[in-house]
Amino acid sequence: MHCIDPSSAIDVAWQTLSEYENIVFHQASVDASGLQADSQDFGYSLGVLHHVPDTQAAIQSCVELLKPGAPLLLYLYYAFDNRPWWFRGLWKLSDWTRRVIFRLPASLKHIVTDIIATVVYWPLAKTSLLLEYFGIDVNSIPLSYYRIHSFYTMRTDARDRFGTPLEQRFTRQQIADMMQAAGLVDIRFSDKAPFWCAVVIKGRSRK
């Protein structure tokens, strides 16, 4: 297995997976990993490529590493295309907050995102869990996805969400179009949160 990340986040992967001997860590971008084209049996990128300036090119770089017929699991932030107008309005408010927070010094940024996880993520998630226990549909409640996840996940996702300088969001159709342009076929989207997550196959050569 080859783990690729251009940032120091690769160190966390190394610490988590250090007991395994069949893993190689690359602190590099996908297009500069040193791996040969058409060499990988599968690939996945979860919650990363919406933070790069050219998501289309990043998907293409991932695809080039895959063998023809190999699967790719991809998760990109959705543009709330399956949500009501008020849900999109809440996101716009949070995005204004993100534009301030990501400019903070790293230590202060971590404190602020931890506070957001504590006073926003956790209460909404646990309230959703309680309401679900009484048979109430909670899918429309913001952050209800985290009701079955740990506080650690909430902290890391809050940091990822509010600490980044660039956040791009795509509709389901836009993601499908980028995948097809990269030579991916048999696109299968999940209808469950998080949105949008899809499994696709690298098309075989037409030679």
N, C-alpha and C. Protein backbone atom coordinates (compact mmCIF):
# COMPACT_ATOMS: atom_id res chain seq x y z
N MET A 1 0.85 -1.20 0.00
CA MET A 1 0.00 0.00 0.00
C MET A 1 0.88 1.24 0.00
N HIS A 2 0.51 2.22 -0.82
CA HIS A 2 1.23 3.48 -0.90
C HIS A 2 0.34 4.59 -0.37
N CYS A 3 0.80 5.27 0.68
CA CYS A 3 0.06 6.39 1.27
C CYS A 3 0.73 7.68 0.82
N ILE A 4 -0.05 8.58 0.22
CA ILE A 4 0.50 9.79 -0.38
C ILE A 4 -0.19 11.02 0.20
N ASP A 5 0.61 11.96 0.68
CA ASP A 5 0.08 13.25 1.15
C ASP A 5 1.21 14.27 1.11
N PRO A 6 0.95 15.45 0.57
CA PRO A 6 2.03 16.44 0.48
C PRO A 6 2.36 17.13 1.79
N SER A 7 1.48 17.02 2.79
CA SER A 7 1.67 17.75 4.05
C SER A 7 2.24 16.84 5.13
N SER A 8 2.46 17.43 6.29
CA SER A 8 2.99 16.65 7.43
C SER A 8 1.95 15.70 8.00
N ALA A 9 0.73 15.74 7.47
CA ALA A 9 -0.29 14.78 7.90
C ALA A 9 0.13 13.35 7.62
N ILE A 10 1.06 13.17 6.70
CA ILE A 10 1.56 11.83 6.40
C ILE A 10 2.21 11.21 7.63
N ASP A 11 2.71 12.05 8.54
CA ASP A 11 3.34 11.55 9.77
C ASP A 11 2.31 10.84 10.65
N VAL A 12 1.07 11.34 10.65
CA VAL A 12 0.01 10.70 11.44
C VAL A 12 -0.28 9.31 10.88
N ALA A 13 -0.32 9.20 9.56
CA ALA A 13 -0.53 7.90 8.94
C ALA A 13 0.61 6.94 9.29
N TRP A 14 1.82 7.47 9.28
CA TRP A 14 2.98 6.63 9.61
C TRP A 14 2.88 6.11 11.05
N GLN A 15 2.52 6.97 11.98
CA GLN A 15 2.39 6.56 13.37
C GLN A 15 1.28 5.53 13.55
N THR A 16 0.18 5.72 12.83
CA THR A 16 -0.96 4.81 12.96
C THR A 16 -0.66 3.44 12.36
N LEU A 17 0.10 3.42 11.28
CA LEU A 17 0.29 2.18 10.52
C LEU A 17 1.72 1.64 10.61
N SER A 18 2.51 2.13 11.54
CA SER A 18 3.93 1.79 11.61
C SER A 18 4.19 0.31 11.86
N GLU A 19 3.23 -0.42 12.42
CA GLU A 19 3.44 -1.84 12.70
C GLU A 19 3.35 -2.69 11.45
N TYR A 20 2.85 -2.14 10.35
CA TYR A 20 2.70 -2.90 9.12
C TYR A 20 3.92 -2.69 8.23
N GLU A 21 4.39 -3.76 7.61
CA GLU A 21 5.61 -3.70 6.82
C GLU A 21 5.35 -3.54 5.32
N ASN A 22 4.10 -3.60 4.92
CA ASN A 22 3.79 -3.55 3.48
C ASN A 22 3.26 -2.18 3.05
N ILE A 23 3.64 -1.13 3.78
CA ILE A 23 3.16 0.22 3.48
C ILE A 23 4.35 1.15 3.23
N VAL A 24 4.24 1.92 2.17
CA VAL A 24 5.25 2.92 1.82
C VAL A 24 4.60 4.29 1.90
N PHE A 25 5.28 5.23 2.55
CA PHE A 25 4.73 6.57 2.76
C PHE A 25 5.45 7.57 1.85
N HIS A 26 4.66 8.39 1.17
CA HIS A 26 5.21 9.38 0.25
C HIS A 26 4.72 10.77 0.67
N GLN A 27 5.63 11.63 1.10
CA GLN A 27 5.24 13.02 1.36
C GLN A 27 5.44 13.79 0.06
N ALA A 28 4.40 13.77 -0.76
CA ALA A 28 4.47 14.37 -2.09
C ALA A 28 3.06 14.51 -2.62
N SER A 29 2.91 15.26 -3.69
CA SER A 29 1.63 15.32 -4.37
C SER A 29 1.46 14.05 -5.20
N VAL A 30 0.24 13.76 -5.60
CA VAL A 30 -0.02 12.53 -6.35
C VAL A 30 0.78 12.49 -7.64
N ASP A 31 0.90 13.64 -8.32
CA ASP A 31 1.59 13.64 -9.60
C ASP A 31 3.11 13.65 -9.45
N ALA A 32 3.60 13.69 -8.20
CA ALA A 32 5.04 13.65 -7.96
C ALA A 32 5.41 12.56 -6.97
N SER A 33 4.61 11.51 -6.90
CA SER A 33 4.82 10.43 -5.92
C SER A 33 5.96 9.50 -6.31
N GLY A 34 6.31 9.47 -7.59
CA GLY A 34 7.35 8.54 -8.05
C GLY A 34 6.81 7.19 -8.45
N LEU A 35 5.51 6.96 -8.27
CA LEU A 35 4.91 5.69 -8.67
C LEU A 35 4.71 5.66 -10.18
N GLN A 36 4.81 4.47 -10.74
CA GLN A 36 4.63 4.32 -12.18
C GLN A 36 3.16 4.40 -12.55
N ALA A 37 2.89 4.90 -13.72
CA ALA A 37 1.53 4.93 -14.24
C ALA A 37 1.03 3.50 -14.45
N ASP A 38 -0.27 3.32 -14.29
CA ASP A 38 -0.92 2.01 -14.50
C ASP A 38 -0.32 0.92 -13.60
N SER A 39 0.00 1.29 -12.34
CA SER A 39 0.69 0.32 -11.47
C SER A 39 -0.12 -0.09 -10.24
N GLN A 40 -1.21 0.60 -9.92
CA GLN A 40 -1.90 0.37 -8.66
C GLN A 40 -3.21 -0.41 -8.86
N ASP A 41 -3.47 -1.34 -7.95
CA ASP A 41 -4.64 -2.21 -8.05
C ASP A 41 -5.93 -1.51 -7.63
N PHE A 42 -5.82 -0.51 -6.78
CA PHE A 42 -6.98 0.27 -6.36
C PHE A 42 -6.47 1.59 -5.79
N GLY A 43 -7.39 2.51 -5.58
CA GLY A 43 -7.01 3.78 -4.98
C GLY A 43 -8.19 4.40 -4.26
N TYR A 44 -7.89 5.27 -3.30
CA TYR A 44 -8.97 6.02 -2.67
C TYR A 44 -8.45 7.38 -2.21
N SER A 45 -9.34 8.34 -2.26
CA SER A 45 -9.05 9.69 -1.79
C SER A 45 -10.31 10.20 -1.10
N LEU A 46 -10.22 10.37 0.20
CA LEU A 46 -11.40 10.72 1.00
C LEU A 46 -11.22 12.10 1.63
N GLY A 47 -11.97 13.06 1.14
CA GLY A 47 -11.97 14.39 1.75
C GLY A 47 -10.69 15.17 1.54
N VAL A 48 -10.05 15.02 0.37
CA VAL A 48 -8.78 15.71 0.12
C VAL A 48 -8.85 16.61 -1.11
N LEU A 49 -9.34 16.09 -2.22
CA LEU A 49 -9.18 16.75 -3.50
C LEU A 49 -10.03 18.01 -3.64
N HIS A 50 -10.98 18.25 -2.73
CA HIS A 50 -11.71 19.52 -2.77
C HIS A 50 -10.90 20.65 -2.14
N HIS A 51 -9.72 20.32 -1.60
CA HIS A 51 -8.87 21.34 -1.01
C HIS A 51 -7.72 21.75 -1.93
N VAL A 52 -7.70 21.24 -3.14
CA VAL A 52 -6.64 21.60 -4.09
C VAL A 52 -7.23 22.52 -5.16
N PRO A 53 -6.43 23.40 -5.75
CA PRO A 53 -6.97 24.39 -6.70
C PRO A 53 -7.62 23.77 -7.93
N ASP A 54 -7.02 22.69 -8.47
CA ASP A 54 -7.53 22.07 -9.69
C ASP A 54 -7.95 20.64 -9.38
N THR A 55 -9.18 20.47 -8.95
CA THR A 55 -9.66 19.15 -8.56
C THR A 55 -9.71 18.20 -9.75
N GLN A 56 -10.08 18.71 -10.91
CA GLN A 56 -10.11 17.88 -12.10
C GLN A 56 -8.74 17.27 -12.40
N ALA A 57 -7.70 18.10 -12.35
CA ALA A 57 -6.34 17.61 -12.61
C ALA A 57 -5.90 16.63 -11.54
N ALA A 58 -6.31 16.85 -10.29
CA ALA A 58 -5.94 15.95 -9.20
C ALA A 58 -6.58 14.58 -9.39
N ILE A 59 -7.84 14.56 -9.81
CA ILE A 59 -8.50 13.28 -10.09
C ILE A 59 -7.76 12.57 -11.23
N GLN A 60 -7.40 13.31 -12.26
CA GLN A 60 -6.68 12.72 -13.39
C GLN A 60 -5.37 12.10 -12.93
N SER A 61 -4.65 12.77 -12.03
CA SER A 61 -3.37 12.25 -11.52
C SER A 61 -3.58 10.94 -10.77
N CYS A 62 -4.67 10.87 -9.99
CA CYS A 62 -4.98 9.62 -9.28
C CYS A 62 -5.28 8.50 -10.26
N VAL A 63 -6.05 8.82 -11.28
CA VAL A 63 -6.45 7.81 -12.26
C VAL A 63 -5.25 7.27 -13.02
N GLU A 64 -4.30 8.12 -13.33
CA GLU A 64 -3.13 7.69 -14.09
C GLU A 64 -2.32 6.63 -13.37
N LEU A 65 -2.37 6.62 -12.04
CA LEU A 65 -1.62 5.62 -11.27
C LEU A 65 -2.30 4.25 -11.26
N LEU A 66 -3.58 4.21 -11.57
CA LEU A 66 -4.35 2.96 -11.49
C LEU A 66 -4.15 2.08 -12.71
N LYS A 67 -4.22 0.77 -12.48
CA LYS A 67 -4.26 -0.16 -13.60
C LYS A 67 -5.61 -0.05 -14.29
N PRO A 68 -5.69 -0.28 -15.59
CA PRO A 68 -6.99 -0.31 -16.26
C PRO A 68 -7.92 -1.32 -15.59
N GLY A 69 -9.15 -0.92 -15.30
CA GLY A 69 -10.10 -1.80 -14.63
C GLY A 69 -10.04 -1.74 -13.12
N ALA A 70 -9.12 -0.94 -12.57
CA ALA A 70 -8.99 -0.83 -11.11
C ALA A 70 -10.03 0.14 -10.56
N PRO A 71 -10.51 -0.10 -9.32
CA PRO A 71 -11.50 0.80 -8.72
C PRO A 71 -10.87 1.97 -8.00
N LEU A 72 -11.63 3.05 -7.92
CA LEU A 72 -11.23 4.24 -7.17
C LEU A 72 -12.40 4.66 -6.29
N LEU A 73 -12.14 4.85 -5.01
CA LEU A 73 -13.13 5.37 -4.08
C LEU A 73 -12.82 6.84 -3.84
N LEU A 74 -13.79 7.69 -4.10
CA LEU A 74 -13.55 9.14 -4.04
C LEU A 74 -14.64 9.83 -3.24
N TYR A 75 -14.22 10.72 -2.35
CA TYR A 75 -15.18 11.54 -1.59
C TYR A 75 -14.81 13.00 -1.76
N LEU A 76 -15.78 13.79 -2.26
CA LEU A 76 -15.62 15.22 -2.42
C LEU A 76 -16.77 15.94 -1.71
N TYR A 77 -16.46 17.10 -1.13
CA TYR A 77 -17.51 17.89 -0.49
C TYR A 77 -18.64 18.19 -1.48
N TYR A 78 -19.86 18.03 -1.02
CA TYR A 78 -21.00 18.28 -1.90
C TYR A 78 -21.45 19.74 -1.80
N ALA A 79 -22.17 20.18 -2.86
CA ALA A 79 -22.62 21.57 -2.94
C ALA A 79 -24.03 21.72 -2.41
N PHE A 80 -24.43 20.80 -1.53
CA PHE A 80 -25.76 20.83 -0.91
C PHE A 80 -26.88 20.80 -1.95
N ASP A 81 -26.59 20.12 -3.07
CA ASP A 81 -27.57 20.04 -4.14
C ASP A 81 -28.75 19.15 -3.79
N ASN A 82 -28.65 18.39 -2.71
CA ASN A 82 -29.79 17.58 -2.26
C ASN A 82 -30.36 18.11 -0.94
N ARG A 83 -30.10 19.41 -0.67
CA ARG A 83 -30.55 20.02 0.58
C ARG A 83 -31.45 21.23 0.30
N PRO A 84 -32.28 21.64 1.25
CA PRO A 84 -33.14 22.82 1.07
C PRO A 84 -32.33 24.11 1.14
N TRP A 85 -32.97 25.21 0.76
CA TRP A 85 -32.29 26.50 0.68
C TRP A 85 -31.73 26.95 2.03
N TRP A 86 -32.47 26.68 3.12
CA TRP A 86 -32.01 27.15 4.42
C TRP A 86 -30.74 26.41 4.87
N PHE A 87 -30.60 25.16 4.43
CA PHE A 87 -29.40 24.39 4.75
C PHE A 87 -28.19 25.01 4.07
N ARG A 88 -28.37 25.39 2.80
CA ARG A 88 -27.29 26.06 2.07
C ARG A 88 -26.96 27.42 2.68
N GLY A 89 -28.00 28.08 3.23
CA GLY A 89 -27.77 29.36 3.88
C GLY A 89 -26.90 29.22 5.13
N LEU A 90 -27.13 28.16 5.90
CA LEU A 90 -26.30 27.90 7.08
C LEU A 90 -24.86 27.66 6.70
N TRP A 91 -24.67 26.95 5.58
CA TRP A 91 -23.30 26.70 5.14
C TRP A 91 -22.61 28.01 4.79
N LYS A 92 -23.31 28.92 4.12
CA LYS A 92 -22.69 30.19 3.75
C LYS A 92 -22.24 30.96 4.98
N LEU A 93 -23.04 30.91 6.05
CA LEU A 93 -22.63 31.55 7.30
C LEU A 93 -21.37 30.90 7.86
N SER A 94 -21.33 29.57 7.84
CA SER A 94 -20.15 28.87 8.36
C SER A 94 -18.93 29.13 7.49
N ASP A 95 -19.14 29.32 6.18
CA ASP A 95 -18.00 29.57 5.30
C ASP A 95 -17.38 30.93 5.57
N TRP A 96 -18.19 31.91 5.90
CA TRP A 96 -17.64 33.20 6.30
C TRP A 96 -16.77 33.05 7.54
N THR A 97 -17.22 32.20 8.46
CA THR A 97 -16.42 31.93 9.66
C THR A 97 -15.10 31.26 9.29
N ARG A 98 -15.15 30.29 8.37
CA ARG A 98 -13.93 29.61 7.94
C ARG A 98 -12.91 30.58 7.37
N ARG A 99 -13.38 31.56 6.60
CA ARG A 99 -12.48 32.51 5.96
C ARG A 99 -11.71 33.36 6.97
N VAL A 100 -12.24 33.46 8.18
CA VAL A 100 -11.54 34.16 9.26
C VAL A 100 -10.63 33.20 10.01
N ILE A 101 -11.13 32.01 10.33
CA ILE A 101 -10.40 31.07 11.18
C ILE A 101 -9.13 30.57 10.53
N PHE A 102 -9.16 30.28 9.22
CA PHE A 102 -7.98 29.67 8.60
C PHE A 102 -6.78 30.61 8.59
N ARG A 103 -7.01 31.90 8.79
CA ARG A 103 -5.92 32.87 8.81
C ARG A 103 -5.25 32.98 10.18
N LEU A 104 -5.81 32.35 11.18
CA LEU A 104 -5.26 32.42 12.54
C LEU A 104 -3.95 31.64 12.63
N PRO A 105 -3.08 31.98 13.59
CA PRO A 105 -1.89 31.15 13.85
C PRO A 105 -2.31 29.72 14.16
N ALA A 106 -1.46 28.76 13.83
CA ALA A 106 -1.81 27.35 13.93
C ALA A 106 -2.31 26.96 15.32
N SER A 107 -1.61 27.40 16.37
CA SER A 107 -2.00 27.01 17.73
C SER A 107 -3.38 27.56 18.08
N LEU A 108 -3.64 28.80 17.71
CA LEU A 108 -4.95 29.40 17.99
C LEU A 108 -6.04 28.76 17.12
N LYS A 109 -5.69 28.44 15.90
CA LYS A 109 -6.64 27.80 15.00
C LYS A 109 -7.11 26.46 15.59
N HIS A 110 -6.17 25.70 16.16
CA HIS A 110 -6.52 24.41 16.75
C HIS A 110 -7.46 24.60 17.94
N ILE A 111 -7.21 25.63 18.73
CA ILE A 111 -8.08 25.89 19.88
C ILE A 111 -9.49 26.25 19.42
N VAL A 112 -9.57 27.12 18.41
CA VAL A 112 -10.88 27.56 17.93
C VAL A 112 -11.66 26.41 17.31
N THR A 113 -11.00 25.58 16.50
CA THR A 113 -11.72 24.46 15.88
C THR A 113 -12.12 23.41 16.92
N ASP A 114 -11.33 23.25 17.98
CA ASP A 114 -11.73 22.35 19.07
C ASP A 114 -12.97 22.89 19.79
N ILE A 115 -13.03 24.20 19.95
CA ILE A 115 -14.21 24.82 20.57
C ILE A 115 -15.44 24.60 19.69
N ILE A 116 -15.27 24.75 18.38
CA ILE A 116 -16.39 24.52 17.46
C ILE A 116 -16.87 23.07 17.56
N ALA A 117 -15.93 22.15 17.64
CA ALA A 117 -16.31 20.74 17.78
C ALA A 117 -17.08 20.50 19.07
N THR A 118 -16.70 21.22 20.12
CA THR A 118 -17.31 21.02 21.44
C THR A 118 -18.69 21.66 21.56
N VAL A 119 -18.84 22.88 21.05
CA VAL A 119 -20.08 23.62 21.27
C VAL A 119 -21.05 23.59 20.09
N VAL A 120 -20.59 23.08 18.94
CA VAL A 120 -21.47 22.99 17.77
C VAL A 120 -21.64 21.54 17.32
N TYR A 121 -20.55 20.90 16.96
CA TYR A 121 -20.64 19.53 16.45
C TYR A 121 -21.25 18.57 17.47
N TRP A 122 -20.65 18.53 18.66
CA TRP A 122 -21.07 17.53 19.65
C TRP A 122 -22.53 17.70 20.07
N PRO A 123 -22.99 18.91 20.43
CA PRO A 123 -24.40 19.05 20.83
C PRO A 123 -25.38 18.67 19.72
N LEU A 124 -25.12 19.11 18.49
CA LEU A 124 -26.04 18.77 17.40
C LEU A 124 -26.02 17.27 17.12
N ALA A 125 -24.83 16.68 17.17
CA ALA A 125 -24.73 15.24 16.91
C ALA A 125 -25.46 14.43 17.97
N LYS A 126 -25.26 14.76 19.23
CA LYS A 126 -25.87 13.99 20.30
C LYS A 126 -27.37 14.26 20.41
N THR A 127 -27.79 15.47 20.09
CA THR A 127 -29.23 15.76 20.03
C THR A 127 -29.89 14.93 18.94
N SER A 128 -29.21 14.81 17.81
CA SER A 128 -29.72 13.98 16.72
C SER A 128 -29.82 12.53 17.13
N LEU A 129 -28.83 12.06 17.87
CA LEU A 129 -28.86 10.67 18.33
C LEU A 129 -30.03 10.43 19.27
N LEU A 130 -30.30 11.39 20.15
CA LEU A 130 -31.41 11.27 21.08
C LEU A 130 -32.75 11.28 20.34
N LEU A 131 -32.90 12.20 19.40
CA LEU A 131 -34.14 12.28 18.63
C LEU A 131 -34.36 11.01 17.82
N GLU A 132 -33.28 10.47 17.28
CA GLU A 132 -33.39 9.24 16.50
C GLU A 132 -33.86 8.08 17.38
N TYR A 133 -33.43 8.09 18.63
CA TYR A 133 -33.84 7.04 19.58
C TYR A 133 -35.35 7.04 19.74
N PHE A 134 -35.97 8.21 19.64
CA PHE A 134 -37.42 8.32 19.79
C PHE A 134 -38.15 8.21 18.43
N GLY A 135 -37.42 7.76 17.42
CA GLY A 135 -38.04 7.49 16.14
C GLY A 135 -38.19 8.67 15.21
N ILE A 136 -37.48 9.77 15.49
CA ILE A 136 -37.58 10.98 14.67
C ILE A 136 -36.50 10.95 13.59
N ASP A 137 -36.88 11.28 12.36
CA ASP A 137 -35.93 11.35 11.25
C ASP A 137 -35.02 12.56 11.45
N VAL A 138 -33.73 12.33 11.54
CA VAL A 138 -32.80 13.42 11.85
C VAL A 138 -31.90 13.79 10.67
N ASN A 139 -32.17 13.24 9.51
CA ASN A 139 -31.29 13.46 8.37
C ASN A 139 -31.21 14.93 7.94
N SER A 140 -32.23 15.72 8.25
CA SER A 140 -32.22 17.13 7.86
C SER A 140 -31.54 18.03 8.89
N ILE A 141 -31.14 17.46 10.02
CA ILE A 141 -30.47 18.25 11.06
C ILE A 141 -28.99 18.40 10.72
N PRO A 142 -28.47 19.61 10.65
CA PRO A 142 -27.04 19.79 10.35
C PRO A 142 -26.17 19.02 11.33
N LEU A 143 -25.15 18.35 10.79
CA LEU A 143 -24.16 17.60 11.56
C LEU A 143 -24.73 16.33 12.21
N SER A 144 -25.94 15.93 11.84
CA SER A 144 -26.50 14.69 12.39
C SER A 144 -25.67 13.48 11.98
N TYR A 145 -24.91 13.60 10.91
CA TYR A 145 -24.04 12.51 10.46
C TYR A 145 -23.10 12.06 11.57
N TYR A 146 -22.69 12.99 12.43
CA TYR A 146 -21.70 12.68 13.47
C TYR A 146 -22.31 12.01 14.70
N ARG A 147 -23.60 11.74 14.69
CA ARG A 147 -24.25 11.18 15.88
C ARG A 147 -23.68 9.82 16.27
N ILE A 148 -23.11 9.10 15.34
CA ILE A 148 -22.56 7.77 15.65
C ILE A 148 -21.04 7.78 15.60
N HIS A 149 -20.46 8.98 15.55
CA HIS A 149 -19.00 9.07 15.47
C HIS A 149 -18.42 9.65 16.75
N SER A 150 -17.13 9.41 16.93
CA SER A 150 -16.45 9.83 18.16
C SER A 150 -16.19 11.33 18.16
N PHE A 151 -15.91 11.85 19.34
CA PHE A 151 -15.55 13.26 19.45
C PHE A 151 -14.23 13.53 18.74
N TYR A 152 -13.35 12.55 18.71
CA TYR A 152 -12.08 12.71 17.98
C TYR A 152 -12.36 12.99 16.50
N THR A 153 -13.31 12.27 15.93
CA THR A 153 -13.68 12.49 14.52
C THR A 153 -14.25 13.89 14.35
N MET A 154 -15.06 14.33 15.29
CA MET A 154 -15.62 15.68 15.21
C MET A 154 -14.51 16.73 15.26
N ARG A 155 -13.53 16.52 16.11
CA ARG A 155 -12.42 17.48 16.23
C ARG A 155 -11.62 17.54 14.93
N THR A 156 -11.26 16.38 14.39
CA THR A 156 -10.45 16.37 13.18
C THR A 156 -11.23 16.94 12.00
N ASP A 157 -12.51 16.65 11.92
CA ASP A 157 -13.31 17.16 10.80
C ASP A 157 -13.56 18.67 10.95
N ALA A 158 -13.74 19.15 12.17
CA ALA A 158 -13.90 20.59 12.37
C ALA A 158 -12.63 21.33 11.96
N ARG A 159 -11.49 20.73 12.27
CA ARG A 159 -10.21 21.33 11.89
C ARG A 159 -10.05 21.33 10.37
N ASP A 160 -10.45 20.21 9.75
CA ASP A 160 -10.37 20.11 8.31
C ASP A 160 -11.32 21.09 7.63
N ARG A 161 -12.47 21.27 8.23
CA ARG A 161 -13.50 22.11 7.62
C ARG A 161 -13.20 23.60 7.78
N PHE A 162 -12.77 24.01 8.97
CA PHE A 162 -12.60 25.44 9.24
C PHE A 162 -11.15 25.91 9.17
N GLY A 163 -10.21 24.98 9.10
CA GLY A 163 -8.81 25.38 9.10
C GLY A 163 -8.17 25.45 7.74
N THR A 164 -8.93 25.16 6.70
CA THR A 164 -8.36 25.13 5.37
C THR A 164 -8.55 26.45 4.63
N PRO A 165 -7.55 26.87 3.84
CA PRO A 165 -7.69 28.12 3.09
C PRO A 165 -8.55 27.97 1.83
N LEU A 166 -8.72 26.73 1.37
CA LEU A 166 -9.48 26.51 0.14
C LEU A 166 -10.46 25.37 0.33
N GLU A 167 -11.72 25.65 0.05
CA GLU A 167 -12.75 24.62 0.12
C GLU A 167 -13.63 24.73 -1.12
N GLN A 168 -13.58 23.72 -1.94
CA GLN A 168 -14.42 23.68 -3.12
C GLN A 168 -15.54 22.66 -2.91
N ARG A 169 -16.70 22.95 -3.45
CA ARG A 169 -17.84 22.04 -3.34
C ARG A 169 -18.44 21.81 -4.71
N PHE A 170 -18.92 20.57 -4.90
CA PHE A 170 -19.37 20.16 -6.23
C PHE A 170 -20.72 19.46 -6.14
N THR A 171 -21.52 19.66 -7.17
CA THR A 171 -22.77 18.90 -7.27
C THR A 171 -22.45 17.48 -7.72
N ARG A 172 -23.42 16.62 -7.55
CA ARG A 172 -23.25 15.23 -7.99
C ARG A 172 -22.93 15.17 -9.49
N GLN A 173 -23.61 15.99 -10.28
CA GLN A 173 -23.39 15.98 -11.72
C GLN A 173 -22.00 16.49 -12.07
N GLN A 174 -21.52 17.53 -11.36
CA GLN A 174 -20.19 18.05 -11.62
C GLN A 174 -19.12 16.99 -11.32
N ILE A 175 -19.30 16.24 -10.25
CA ILE A 175 -18.35 15.18 -9.91
C ILE A 175 -18.37 14.10 -10.98
N ALA A 176 -19.56 13.71 -11.41
CA ALA A 176 -19.67 12.69 -12.46
C ALA A 176 -18.99 13.16 -13.74
N ASP A 177 -19.16 14.43 -14.08
CA ASP A 177 -18.53 14.97 -15.29
C ASP A 177 -17.00 14.93 -15.18
N MET A 178 -16.45 15.29 -14.01
CA MET A 178 -15.00 15.25 -13.82
C MET A 178 -14.47 13.82 -13.90
N MET A 179 -15.21 12.88 -13.34
CA MET A 179 -14.80 11.48 -13.39
C MET A 179 -14.78 10.97 -14.82
N GLN A 180 -15.82 11.26 -15.56
CA GLN A 180 -15.88 10.81 -16.94
C GLN A 180 -14.77 11.43 -17.78
N ALA A 181 -14.47 12.70 -17.52
CA ALA A 181 -13.39 13.37 -18.24
C ALA A 181 -12.03 12.75 -17.93
N ALA A 182 -11.90 12.13 -16.75
CA ALA A 182 -10.65 11.49 -16.34
C ALA A 182 -10.56 10.04 -16.81
N GLY A 183 -11.57 9.59 -17.54
CA GLY A 183 -11.54 8.22 -18.06
C GLY A 183 -12.11 7.19 -17.11
N LEU A 184 -12.93 7.61 -16.16
CA LEU A 184 -13.54 6.69 -15.21
C LEU A 184 -14.93 6.28 -15.72
N VAL A 185 -15.29 5.04 -15.44
CA VAL A 185 -16.57 4.51 -15.90
C VAL A 185 -17.27 3.80 -14.73
N ASP A 186 -18.49 3.37 -14.98
CA ASP A 186 -19.28 2.63 -13.99
C ASP A 186 -19.35 3.40 -12.67
N ILE A 187 -19.81 4.64 -12.75
CA ILE A 187 -19.85 5.52 -11.57
C ILE A 187 -21.02 5.14 -10.68
N ARG A 188 -20.73 4.89 -9.41
CA ARG A 188 -21.76 4.51 -8.44
C ARG A 188 -21.67 5.42 -7.22
N PHE A 189 -22.65 6.29 -7.08
CA PHE A 189 -22.70 7.21 -5.95
C PHE A 189 -23.43 6.56 -4.77
N SER A 190 -22.96 6.87 -3.57
CA SER A 190 -23.69 6.49 -2.37
C SER A 190 -24.81 7.47 -2.12
N ASP A 191 -25.97 6.98 -1.72
CA ASP A 191 -27.10 7.84 -1.38
C ASP A 191 -27.15 8.16 0.11
N LYS A 192 -26.09 7.81 0.82
CA LYS A 192 -26.01 8.07 2.26
C LYS A 192 -24.88 9.05 2.54
N ALA A 193 -25.01 9.78 3.64
CA ALA A 193 -23.95 10.71 4.05
C ALA A 193 -22.68 9.92 4.39
N PRO A 194 -21.50 10.50 4.15
CA PRO A 194 -21.26 11.87 3.68
C PRO A 194 -21.40 11.97 2.16
N PHE A 195 -21.83 13.12 1.69
CA PHE A 195 -22.02 13.38 0.26
C PHE A 195 -20.86 14.23 -0.26
N TRP A 196 -20.40 14.00 -1.54
CA TRP A 196 -20.73 12.85 -2.36
C TRP A 196 -19.57 11.87 -2.35
N CYS A 197 -19.94 10.61 -2.16
CA CYS A 197 -18.96 9.53 -2.15
C CYS A 197 -19.31 8.58 -3.29
N ALA A 198 -18.31 8.17 -4.06
CA ALA A 198 -18.58 7.33 -5.23
C ALA A 198 -17.46 6.33 -5.44
N VAL A 199 -17.83 5.19 -5.99
CA VAL A 199 -16.87 4.18 -6.44
C VAL A 199 -16.92 4.16 -7.96
N VAL A 200 -15.76 4.21 -8.58
CA VAL A 200 -15.68 4.23 -10.04
C VAL A 200 -14.58 3.28 -10.50
N ILE A 201 -14.56 3.01 -11.79
CA ILE A 201 -13.59 2.10 -12.38
C ILE A 201 -12.81 2.83 -13.45
N LYS A 202 -11.49 2.59 -13.48
CA LYS A 202 -10.70 3.15 -14.57
C LYS A 202 -10.98 2.39 -15.85
N GLY A 203 -11.36 3.11 -16.87
CA GLY A 203 -11.66 2.47 -18.15
C GLY A 203 -10.45 1.78 -18.74
N ARG A 204 -10.71 0.71 -19.47
CA ARG A 204 -9.62 -0.03 -20.10
C ARG A 204 -9.20 0.66 -21.39
N SER A 205 -7.96 0.46 -21.75
CA SER A 205 -7.43 1.07 -22.95
C SER A 205 -8.18 0.60 -24.18
N ARG A 206 -8.32 1.50 -25.15
CA ARG A 206 -8.98 1.14 -26.40
C ARG A 206 -7.99 0.78 -27.50
N LYS A 207 -6.77 0.48 -27.13
CA LYS A 207 -5.75 0.14 -28.13
C LYS A 207 -6.16 -1.13 -28.88
